[in-house]
Amino acid sequence: MPRFENQTVLVTGGAGGQGASHVRAFHAEGANVVIGGIDARRGAALADELGPRARFVRLDVTDESSWSAAVRATESVFGALNVLVNNAGVQNPPATIENTDQATWARILETNLTGTFLDIKAAAPALRRAQGGAIVNIASTMGLGGTAHYAPYVASKWAVRGLTQTAALELGRDRIRVNTIHPGVIATPFIHEPAAGAAAPIADFYSPEPFAIPRLGEPADVTRLLLFLTSAEASFVTGAEYVIDGGLLLGPALQADAA
């Protein structure tokens, strides 16, 4: 029996690089999938590709009324919401703190942090009505240390950690588990295309060669971990943080010819 048969999963940023991977995998495991996002063309195309167990809903994660409408639509079409994946996020163009304008700071925090707050707020009652479920917030290894030139993004992902653990404490007795995944550098447009206002993409100046697993991560790497965390196999896991970065945070690895 597929792991998510008769369950409904809402993925924000569901038409993007990692998001589309997550949506397709949940669908393959039997779930009804709701693709939340602001790119109606790509979102609707993915829903059409997957068929009747998939729907696109327009969702601005920074807008509380948009969240309420998305949850209502999910329950109206599929009857319940069982899993929420907060995957939507934006990156700031690289700049020192001194050279970061307040509008950029506000935009990054509004999407990455306030969006996560609003998703938990909107989804918790629906998950409670479904007799429990799971929330996974996609954070970043940048939420586990400082990174020069990315203060807004770093701050947003550090804050998501505390928000996730607080939600785990508040919702645990309702049988709602809340966890965080911290991906490293994953091969998506997020890495291969410049952030708004940036001159070059991260891929132009990052190399995985020094690290224990010398390759970029793939969306499927994150997806496999996500499927575990939202399944019954992880029923004793809440408030946890999972790093999936190929050893990036460990630092340079011993090279093979030095072993």
C-alpha atoms as a PDB file:
ATOM      1  CA  MET A   1       0.000   0.000   0.000  1.00  0.00           C
ATOM      2  CA  PRO A   2       1.438   3.425  -0.883  1.00  0.00           C
ATOM      3  CA  ARG A   3       2.550   5.370   2.186  1.00  0.00           C
ATOM      4  CA  PHE A   4       0.230   8.327   1.578  1.00  0.00           C
ATOM      5  CA  GLU A   5      -2.864   6.707   0.117  1.00  0.00           C
ATOM      6  CA  ASN A   6      -6.042   8.575   1.156  1.00  0.00           C
ATOM      7  CA  GLN A   7      -3.990  11.484   2.503  1.00  0.00           C
ATOM      8  CA  THR A   8      -3.794  15.041   1.218  1.00  0.00           C
ATOM      9  CA  VAL A   9      -0.555  17.011   1.055  1.00  0.00           C
ATOM     10  CA  LEU A  10      -0.194  20.756   0.480  1.00  0.00           C
ATOM     11  CA  VAL A  11       3.199  21.916  -0.785  1.00  0.00           C
ATOM     12  CA  THR A  12       3.979  25.625  -0.990  1.00  0.00           C
ATOM     13  CA  GLY A  13       6.228  26.691  -3.826  1.00  0.00           C
ATOM     14  CA  GLY A  14       5.015  23.423  -5.286  1.00  0.00           C
ATOM     15  CA  ALA A  15       5.833  24.135  -8.911  1.00  0.00           C
ATOM     16  CA  GLY A  16       9.482  25.079  -8.344  1.00  0.00           C
ATOM     17  CA  GLY A  17      12.624  22.928  -8.392  1.00  0.00           C
ATOM     18  CA  GLN A  18      12.393  21.210  -5.021  1.00  0.00           C
ATOM     19  CA  GLY A  19       8.641  21.747  -4.747  1.00  0.00           C
ATOM     20  CA  ALA A  20       7.806  19.915  -7.965  1.00  0.00           C
ATOM     21  CA  SER A  21      10.003  17.008  -6.863  1.00  0.00           C
ATOM     22  CA  HIS A  22       8.105  16.812  -3.582  1.00  0.00           C
ATOM     23  CA  VAL A  23       4.708  17.041  -5.279  1.00  0.00           C
ATOM     24  CA  ARG A  24       5.480  14.286  -7.782  1.00  0.00           C
ATOM     25  CA  ALA A  25       6.830  11.960  -5.074  1.00  0.00           C
ATOM     26  CA  PHE A  26       3.847  12.379  -2.763  1.00  0.00           C
ATOM     27  CA  HIS A  27       1.539  11.796  -5.701  1.00  0.00           C
ATOM     28  CA  ALA A  28       3.436   8.634  -6.671  1.00  0.00           C
ATOM     29  CA  GLU A  29       3.007   7.427  -3.081  1.00  0.00           C
ATOM     30  CA  GLY A  30      -0.782   7.697  -3.380  1.00  0.00           C
ATOM     31  CA  ALA A  31      -1.461  11.173  -1.975  1.00  0.00           C
ATOM     32  CA  ASN A  32      -3.792  13.842  -3.188  1.00  0.00           C
ATOM     33  CA  VAL A  33      -1.527  16.819  -3.803  1.00  0.00           C
ATOM     34  CA  VAL A  34      -2.272  20.520  -3.618  1.00  0.00           C
ATOM     35  CA  ILE A  35       0.285  22.704  -5.373  1.00  0.00           C
ATOM     36  CA  GLY A  36       0.392  26.090  -3.690  1.00  0.00           C
ATOM     37  CA  GLY A  37       2.098  29.027  -5.345  1.00  0.00           C
ATOM     38  CA  ILE A  38       1.871  32.254  -7.284  1.00  0.00           C
ATOM     39  CA  ASP A  39       2.992  30.900 -10.673  1.00  0.00           C
ATOM     40  CA  ALA A  40      -0.386  29.814 -12.001  1.00  0.00           C
ATOM     41  CA  ARG A  41       0.980  28.687 -15.369  1.00  0.00           C
ATOM     42  CA  ARG A  42       3.514  26.236 -13.992  1.00  0.00           C
ATOM     43  CA  GLY A  43       1.316  25.155 -11.095  1.00  0.00           C
ATOM     44  CA  ALA A  44      -1.704  24.416 -13.269  1.00  0.00           C
ATOM     45  CA  ALA A  45       0.487  22.594 -15.811  1.00  0.00           C
ATOM     46  CA  LEU A  46       1.878  20.316 -13.106  1.00  0.00           C
ATOM     47  CA  ALA A  47      -1.614  19.617 -11.753  1.00  0.00           C
ATOM     48  CA  ASP A  48      -2.850  18.787 -15.262  1.00  0.00           C
ATOM     49  CA  GLU A  49       0.117  16.470 -15.779  1.00  0.00           C
ATOM     50  CA  LEU A  50      -0.637  14.538 -12.576  1.00  0.00           C
ATOM     51  CA  GLY A  51      -4.388  14.262 -13.060  1.00  0.00           C
ATOM     52  CA  PRO A  52      -7.444  14.219 -10.778  1.00  0.00           C
ATOM     53  CA  ARG A  53      -5.520  13.721  -7.523  1.00  0.00           C
ATOM     54  CA  ALA A  54      -3.751  17.046  -8.036  1.00  0.00           C
ATOM     55  CA  ARG A  55      -4.924  20.643  -7.774  1.00  0.00           C
ATOM     56  CA  PHE A  56      -3.242  24.011  -8.079  1.00  0.00           C
ATOM     57  CA  VAL A  57      -4.264  26.768  -5.673  1.00  0.00           C
ATOM     58  CA  ARG A  58      -2.986  30.301  -5.943  1.00  0.00           C
ATOM     59  CA  LEU A  59      -1.232  30.988  -2.661  1.00  0.00           C
ATOM     60  CA  ASP A  60       0.678  34.066  -1.572  1.00  0.00           C
ATOM     61  CA  VAL A  61       2.354  32.797   1.595  1.00  0.00           C
ATOM     62  CA  THR A  62       2.637  36.336   3.003  1.00  0.00           C
ATOM     63  CA  ASP A  63      -1.141  36.890   2.874  1.00  0.00           C
ATOM     64  CA  GLU A  64      -3.246  35.443   5.694  1.00  0.00           C
ATOM     65  CA  SER A  65      -6.458  35.539   3.652  1.00  0.00           C
ATOM     66  CA  SER A  66      -4.723  33.666   0.837  1.00  0.00           C
ATOM     67  CA  TRP A  67      -3.735  30.976   3.302  1.00  0.00           C
ATOM     68  CA  SER A  68      -7.280  30.662   4.619  1.00  0.00           C
ATOM     69  CA  ALA A  69      -8.615  30.306   1.080  1.00  0.00           C
ATOM     70  CA  ALA A  70      -6.024  27.661   0.198  1.00  0.00           C
ATOM     71  CA  VAL A  71      -6.848  25.532   3.235  1.00  0.00           C
ATOM     72  CA  ARG A  72     -10.589  25.860   2.553  1.00  0.00           C
ATOM     73  CA  ALA A  73     -10.053  24.836  -1.066  1.00  0.00           C
ATOM     74  CA  THR A  74      -7.971  21.841  -0.010  1.00  0.00           C
ATOM     75  CA  GLU A  75     -10.637  20.564   2.377  1.00  0.00           C
ATOM     76  CA  SER A  76     -13.407  21.304  -0.107  1.00  0.00           C
ATOM     77  CA  VAL A  77     -11.813  19.281  -2.903  1.00  0.00           C
ATOM     78  CA  PHE A  78     -10.178  16.435  -0.975  1.00  0.00           C
ATOM     79  CA  GLY A  79     -11.987  16.395   2.393  1.00  0.00           C
ATOM     80  CA  ALA A  80      -9.012  16.882   4.696  1.00  0.00           C
ATOM     81  CA  LEU A  81      -5.467  18.180   5.009  1.00  0.00           C
ATOM     82  CA  ASN A  82      -2.952  15.701   6.432  1.00  0.00           C
ATOM     83  CA  VAL A  83       0.491  17.040   5.545  1.00  0.00           C
ATOM     84  CA  LEU A  84       1.824  20.558   5.043  1.00  0.00           C
ATOM     85  CA  VAL A  85       5.210  21.213   3.441  1.00  0.00           C
ATOM     86  CA  ASN A  86       6.386  24.802   3.743  1.00  0.00           C
ATOM     87  CA  ASN A  87       8.783  24.859   0.826  1.00  0.00           C
ATOM     88  CA  ALA A  88       8.328  28.408  -0.540  1.00  0.00           C
ATOM     89  CA  GLY A  89      11.266  30.722  -0.017  1.00  0.00           C
ATOM     90  CA  VAL A  90      13.259  33.562  -1.546  1.00  0.00           C
ATOM     91  CA  GLN A  91      16.922  34.526  -1.449  1.00  0.00           C
ATOM     92  CA  ASN A  92      18.410  37.999  -1.156  1.00  0.00           C
ATOM     93  CA  PRO A  93      21.037  39.328  -3.561  1.00  0.00           C
ATOM     94  CA  PRO A  94      24.442  39.163  -1.861  1.00  0.00           C
ATOM     95  CA  ALA A  95      25.335  42.277   0.135  1.00  0.00           C
ATOM     96  CA  THR A  96      26.903  43.106   3.461  1.00  0.00           C
ATOM     97  CA  ILE A  97      24.593  44.140   6.279  1.00  0.00           C
ATOM     98  CA  GLU A  98      25.688  47.753   5.790  1.00  0.00           C
ATOM     99  CA  ASN A  99      24.699  47.594   2.139  1.00  0.00           C
ATOM    100  CA  THR A 100      21.395  45.733   2.593  1.00  0.00           C
ATOM    101  CA  ASP A 101      18.392  48.033   2.280  1.00  0.00           C
ATOM    102  CA  GLN A 102      15.460  47.694   4.626  1.00  0.00           C
ATOM    103  CA  ALA A 103      13.053  46.798   1.813  1.00  0.00           C
ATOM    104  CA  THR A 104      15.141  43.723   0.943  1.00  0.00           C
ATOM    105  CA  TRP A 105      15.324  42.718   4.602  1.00  0.00           C
ATOM    106  CA  ALA A 106      11.547  43.038   4.949  1.00  0.00           C
ATOM    107  CA  ARG A 107      10.816  41.113   1.740  1.00  0.00           C
ATOM    108  CA  ILE A 108      12.964  38.124   2.705  1.00  0.00           C
ATOM    109  CA  LEU A 109      11.643  37.960   6.269  1.00  0.00           C
ATOM    110  CA  GLU A 110       8.059  38.387   5.078  1.00  0.00           C
ATOM    111  CA  THR A 111       8.254  35.403   2.739  1.00  0.00           C
ATOM    112  CA  ASN A 112      10.551  33.023   4.597  1.00  0.00           C
ATOM    113  CA  LEU A 113       9.508  33.683   8.192  1.00  0.00           C
ATOM    114  CA  THR A 114       6.084  35.320   8.205  1.00  0.00           C
ATOM    115  CA  GLY A 115       5.003  32.903   5.484  1.00  0.00           C
ATOM    116  CA  THR A 116       5.975  29.974   7.706  1.00  0.00           C
ATOM    117  CA  PHE A 117       4.155  31.502  10.676  1.00  0.00           C
ATOM    118  CA  LEU A 118       1.006  31.984   8.596  1.00  0.00           C
ATOM    119  CA  ASP A 119       1.129  28.468   7.173  1.00  0.00           C
ATOM    120  CA  ILE A 120       1.226  26.907  10.639  1.00  0.00           C
ATOM    121  CA  LYS A 121      -1.507  29.240  11.862  1.00  0.00           C
ATOM    122  CA  ALA A 122      -3.797  28.437   8.931  1.00  0.00           C
ATOM    123  CA  ALA A 123      -3.104  24.712   8.683  1.00  0.00           C
ATOM    124  CA  ALA A 124      -3.164  23.715  12.366  1.00  0.00           C
ATOM    125  CA  PRO A 125      -6.991  23.717  12.683  1.00  0.00           C
ATOM    126  CA  ALA A 126      -7.322  21.653   9.493  1.00  0.00           C
ATOM    127  CA  LEU A 127      -4.727  19.134  10.663  1.00  0.00           C
ATOM    128  CA  ARG A 128      -6.544  18.933  13.993  1.00  0.00           C
ATOM    129  CA  ARG A 129      -9.816  18.229  12.160  1.00  0.00           C
ATOM    130  CA  ALA A 130      -7.991  15.414  10.338  1.00  0.00           C
ATOM    131  CA  GLN A 131      -7.071  13.892  13.723  1.00  0.00           C
ATOM    132  CA  GLY A 132      -3.412  14.797  13.345  1.00  0.00           C
ATOM    133  CA  GLY A 133      -0.758  15.090  10.691  1.00  0.00           C
ATOM    134  CA  ALA A 134       2.654  16.513   9.922  1.00  0.00           C
ATOM    135  CA  ILE A 135       4.233  19.842   9.075  1.00  0.00           C
ATOM    136  CA  VAL A 136       7.722  20.123   7.636  1.00  0.00           C
ATOM    137  CA  ASN A 137       9.398  23.496   7.210  1.00  0.00           C
ATOM    138  CA  ILE A 138      12.169  23.598   4.620  1.00  0.00           C
ATOM    139  CA  ALA A 139      14.895  25.775   6.121  1.00  0.00           C
ATOM    140  CA  SER A 140      18.586  25.822   5.136  1.00  0.00           C
ATOM    141  CA  THR A 141      22.068  25.103   6.374  1.00  0.00           C
ATOM    142  CA  MET A 142      22.315  28.906   6.447  1.00  0.00           C
ATOM    143  CA  GLY A 143      19.977  28.664   9.430  1.00  0.00           C
ATOM    144  CA  LEU A 144      22.669  26.806  11.367  1.00  0.00           C
ATOM    145  CA  GLY A 145      25.522  29.298  11.050  1.00  0.00           C
ATOM    146  CA  GLY A 146      26.418  32.712   9.780  1.00  0.00           C
ATOM    147  CA  THR A 147      26.995  33.375   6.077  1.00  0.00           C
ATOM    148  CA  ALA A 148      28.511  36.641   4.925  1.00  0.00           C
ATOM    149  CA  HIS A 149      26.428  38.671   2.443  1.00  0.00           C
ATOM    150  CA  TYR A 150      23.176  36.829   3.204  1.00  0.00           C
ATOM    151  CA  ALA A 151      21.992  38.358   6.489  1.00  0.00           C
ATOM    152  CA  PRO A 152      18.256  38.524   5.649  1.00  0.00           C
ATOM    153  CA  TYR A 153      18.121  34.917   4.459  1.00  0.00           C
ATOM    154  CA  VAL A 154      20.237  33.666   7.362  1.00  0.00           C
ATOM    155  CA  ALA A 155      18.100  35.502   9.903  1.00  0.00           C
ATOM    156  CA  SER A 156      14.882  34.167   8.402  1.00  0.00           C
ATOM    157  CA  LYS A 157      16.058  30.556   8.492  1.00  0.00           C
ATOM    158  CA  TRP A 158      17.406  30.812  12.053  1.00  0.00           C
ATOM    159  CA  ALA A 159      14.010  32.136  13.117  1.00  0.00           C
ATOM    160  CA  VAL A 160      12.179  29.298  11.350  1.00  0.00           C
ATOM    161  CA  ARG A 161      14.038  26.878  13.640  1.00  0.00           C
ATOM    162  CA  GLY A 162      12.604  28.447  16.780  1.00  0.00           C
ATOM    163  CA  LEU A 163       9.167  28.752  15.252  1.00  0.00           C
ATOM    164  CA  THR A 164       9.212  25.068  14.287  1.00  0.00           C
ATOM    165  CA  GLN A 165      10.172  23.889  17.753  1.00  0.00           C
ATOM    166  CA  THR A 166       7.558  26.130  19.365  1.00  0.00           C
ATOM    167  CA  ALA A 167       4.890  24.729  17.061  1.00  0.00           C
ATOM    168  CA  ALA A 168       6.000  21.183  17.893  1.00  0.00           C
ATOM    169  CA  LEU A 169       5.402  21.910  21.578  1.00  0.00           C
ATOM    170  CA  GLU A 170       2.040  23.549  20.984  1.00  0.00           C
ATOM    171  CA  LEU A 171       0.652  20.962  18.577  1.00  0.00           C
ATOM    172  CA  GLY A 172       2.137  17.697  19.796  1.00  0.00           C
ATOM    173  CA  ARG A 173      -0.838  16.694  21.945  1.00  0.00           C
ATOM    174  CA  ASP A 174      -3.047  17.174  18.885  1.00  0.00           C
ATOM    175  CA  ARG A 175      -0.950  14.489  17.149  1.00  0.00           C
ATOM    176  CA  ILE A 176       0.575  17.066  14.814  1.00  0.00           C
ATOM    177  CA  ARG A 177       4.322  16.660  14.333  1.00  0.00           C
ATOM    178  CA  VAL A 178       6.443  19.627  13.221  1.00  0.00           C
ATOM    179  CA  ASN A 179      10.004  19.227  11.943  1.00  0.00           C
ATOM    180  CA  THR A 180      12.618  21.087   9.921  1.00  0.00           C
ATOM    181  CA  ILE A 181      14.837  20.058   7.022  1.00  0.00           C
ATOM    182  CA  HIS A 182      18.030  22.031   6.391  1.00  0.00           C
ATOM    183  CA  PRO A 183      19.217  21.453   2.810  1.00  0.00           C
ATOM    184  CA  GLY A 184      22.664  22.472   1.703  1.00  0.00           C
ATOM    185  CA  VAL A 185      23.346  23.459  -1.901  1.00  0.00           C
ATOM    186  CA  ILE A 186      20.703  21.772  -4.050  1.00  0.00           C
ATOM    187  CA  ALA A 187      20.762  21.854  -7.857  1.00  0.00           C
ATOM    188  CA  THR A 188      17.676  23.969  -8.552  1.00  0.00           C
ATOM    189  CA  PRO A 189      17.076  27.338 -10.243  1.00  0.00           C
ATOM    190  CA  PHE A 190      17.528  28.797  -6.749  1.00  0.00           C
ATOM    191  CA  ILE A 191      21.236  27.948  -7.130  1.00  0.00           C
ATOM    192  CA  HIS A 192      21.719  28.109 -10.896  1.00  0.00           C
ATOM    193  CA  GLU A 193      19.918  31.413 -11.518  1.00  0.00           C
ATOM    194  CA  PRO A 194      20.776  34.772  -9.906  1.00  0.00           C
ATOM    195  CA  ALA A 195      18.547  35.990  -7.092  1.00  0.00           C
ATOM    196  CA  ALA A 196      16.629  39.164  -7.901  1.00  0.00           C
ATOM    197  CA  GLY A 197      19.186  41.959  -8.028  1.00  0.00           C
ATOM    198  CA  ALA A 198      22.199  39.614  -8.004  1.00  0.00           C
ATOM    199  CA  ALA A 199      24.861  39.667 -10.709  1.00  0.00           C
ATOM    200  CA  ALA A 200      25.612  35.914 -10.636  1.00  0.00           C
ATOM    201  CA  PRO A 201      24.079  32.695  -9.310  1.00  0.00           C
ATOM    202  CA  ILE A 202      25.463  30.876  -6.270  1.00  0.00           C
ATOM    203  CA  ALA A 203      26.637  28.048  -8.538  1.00  0.00           C
ATOM    204  CA  ASP A 204      29.171  30.409 -10.100  1.00  0.00           C
ATOM    205  CA  PHE A 205      31.202  30.708  -6.906  1.00  0.00           C
ATOM    206  CA  TYR A 206      30.384  27.523  -4.964  1.00  0.00           C
ATOM    207  CA  SER A 207      32.124  24.174  -5.458  1.00  0.00           C
ATOM    208  CA  PRO A 208      31.268  20.994  -3.522  1.00  0.00           C
ATOM    209  CA  GLU A 209      34.696  19.507  -4.288  1.00  0.00           C
ATOM    210  CA  PRO A 210      36.220  19.943  -0.778  1.00  0.00           C
ATOM    211  CA  PHE A 211      33.388  18.229   1.060  1.00  0.00           C
ATOM    212  CA  ALA A 212      32.710  14.616   2.028  1.00  0.00           C
ATOM    213  CA  ILE A 213      30.158  14.096  -0.758  1.00  0.00           C
ATOM    214  CA  PRO A 214      31.621  16.177  -3.596  1.00  0.00           C
ATOM    215  CA  ARG A 215      28.495  16.953  -5.598  1.00  0.00           C
ATOM    216  CA  LEU A 216      25.536  19.271  -5.500  1.00  0.00           C
ATOM    217  CA  GLY A 217      22.458  17.852  -3.841  1.00  0.00           C
ATOM    218  CA  GLU A 218      19.503  16.909  -5.998  1.00  0.00           C
ATOM    219  CA  PRO A 219      15.866  17.726  -5.211  1.00  0.00           C
ATOM    220  CA  ALA A 220      15.199  13.990  -4.918  1.00  0.00           C
ATOM    221  CA  ASP A 221      17.680  13.791  -2.021  1.00  0.00           C
ATOM    222  CA  VAL A 222      15.558  16.216  -0.022  1.00  0.00           C
ATOM    223  CA  THR A 223      12.321  14.612  -1.185  1.00  0.00           C
ATOM    224  CA  ARG A 224      13.272  11.187   0.152  1.00  0.00           C
ATOM    225  CA  LEU A 225      13.955  12.643   3.592  1.00  0.00           C
ATOM    226  CA  LEU A 226      10.709  14.617   3.445  1.00  0.00           C
ATOM    227  CA  LEU A 227       8.680  11.495   2.655  1.00  0.00           C
ATOM    228  CA  PHE A 228      10.123   9.769   5.704  1.00  0.00           C
ATOM    229  CA  LEU A 229       9.452  12.703   8.054  1.00  0.00           C
ATOM    230  CA  THR A 230       5.828  13.037   6.984  1.00  0.00           C
ATOM    231  CA  SER A 231       5.079   9.303   7.055  1.00  0.00           C
ATOM    232  CA  ALA A 232       4.002   6.988   9.867  1.00  0.00           C
ATOM    233  CA  GLU A 233       7.604   5.738   9.967  1.00  0.00           C
ATOM    234  CA  ALA A 234       8.528   8.994  11.736  1.00  0.00           C
ATOM    235  CA  SER A 235       5.648   8.936  14.231  1.00  0.00           C
ATOM    236  CA  PHE A 236       8.041   9.523  17.177  1.00  0.00           C
ATOM    237  CA  VAL A 237       9.859  12.454  15.555  1.00  0.00           C
ATOM    238  CA  THR A 238       8.886  16.053  16.297  1.00  0.00           C
ATOM    239  CA  GLY A 239      10.746  19.306  16.854  1.00  0.00           C
ATOM    240  CA  ALA A 240      13.742  17.769  15.089  1.00  0.00           C
ATOM    241  CA  GLU A 241      16.209  19.281  12.635  1.00  0.00           C
ATOM    242  CA  TYR A 242      17.557  17.231   9.756  1.00  0.00           C
ATOM    243  CA  VAL A 243      20.634  18.432   7.888  1.00  0.00           C
ATOM    244  CA  ILE A 244      21.052  17.181   4.333  1.00  0.00           C
ATOM    245  CA  ASP A 245      24.132  18.871   2.907  1.00  0.00           C
ATOM    246  CA  GLY A 246      26.694  16.275   1.783  1.00  0.00           C
ATOM    247  CA  GLY A 247      28.956  17.235   4.685  1.00  0.00           C
ATOM    248  CA  LEU A 248      29.054  20.973   3.925  1.00  0.00           C
ATOM    249  CA  LEU A 249      28.724  22.023   7.574  1.00  0.00           C
ATOM    250  CA  LEU A 250      31.436  19.561   8.615  1.00  0.00           C
ATOM    251  CA  GLY A 251      33.996  21.420   6.554  1.00  0.00           C
ATOM    252  CA  PRO A 252      36.595  20.061   4.133  1.00  0.00           C
ATOM    253  CA  ALA A 253      36.971  16.281   4.135  1.00  0.00           C
ATOM    254  CA  LEU A 254      40.128  14.204   4.103  1.00  0.00           C
ATOM    255  CA  GLN A 255      40.970  13.637   0.456  1.00  0.00           C
ATOM    256  CA  ALA A 256      41.162  10.088  -0.869  1.00  0.00           C
ATOM    257  CA  ASP A 257      44.885  10.201  -1.619  1.00  0.00           C
ATOM    258  CA  ALA A 258      45.575  11.311   1.978  1.00  0.00           C
ATOM    259  CA  ALA A 259      43.730   8.407   3.620  1.00  0.00           C
END
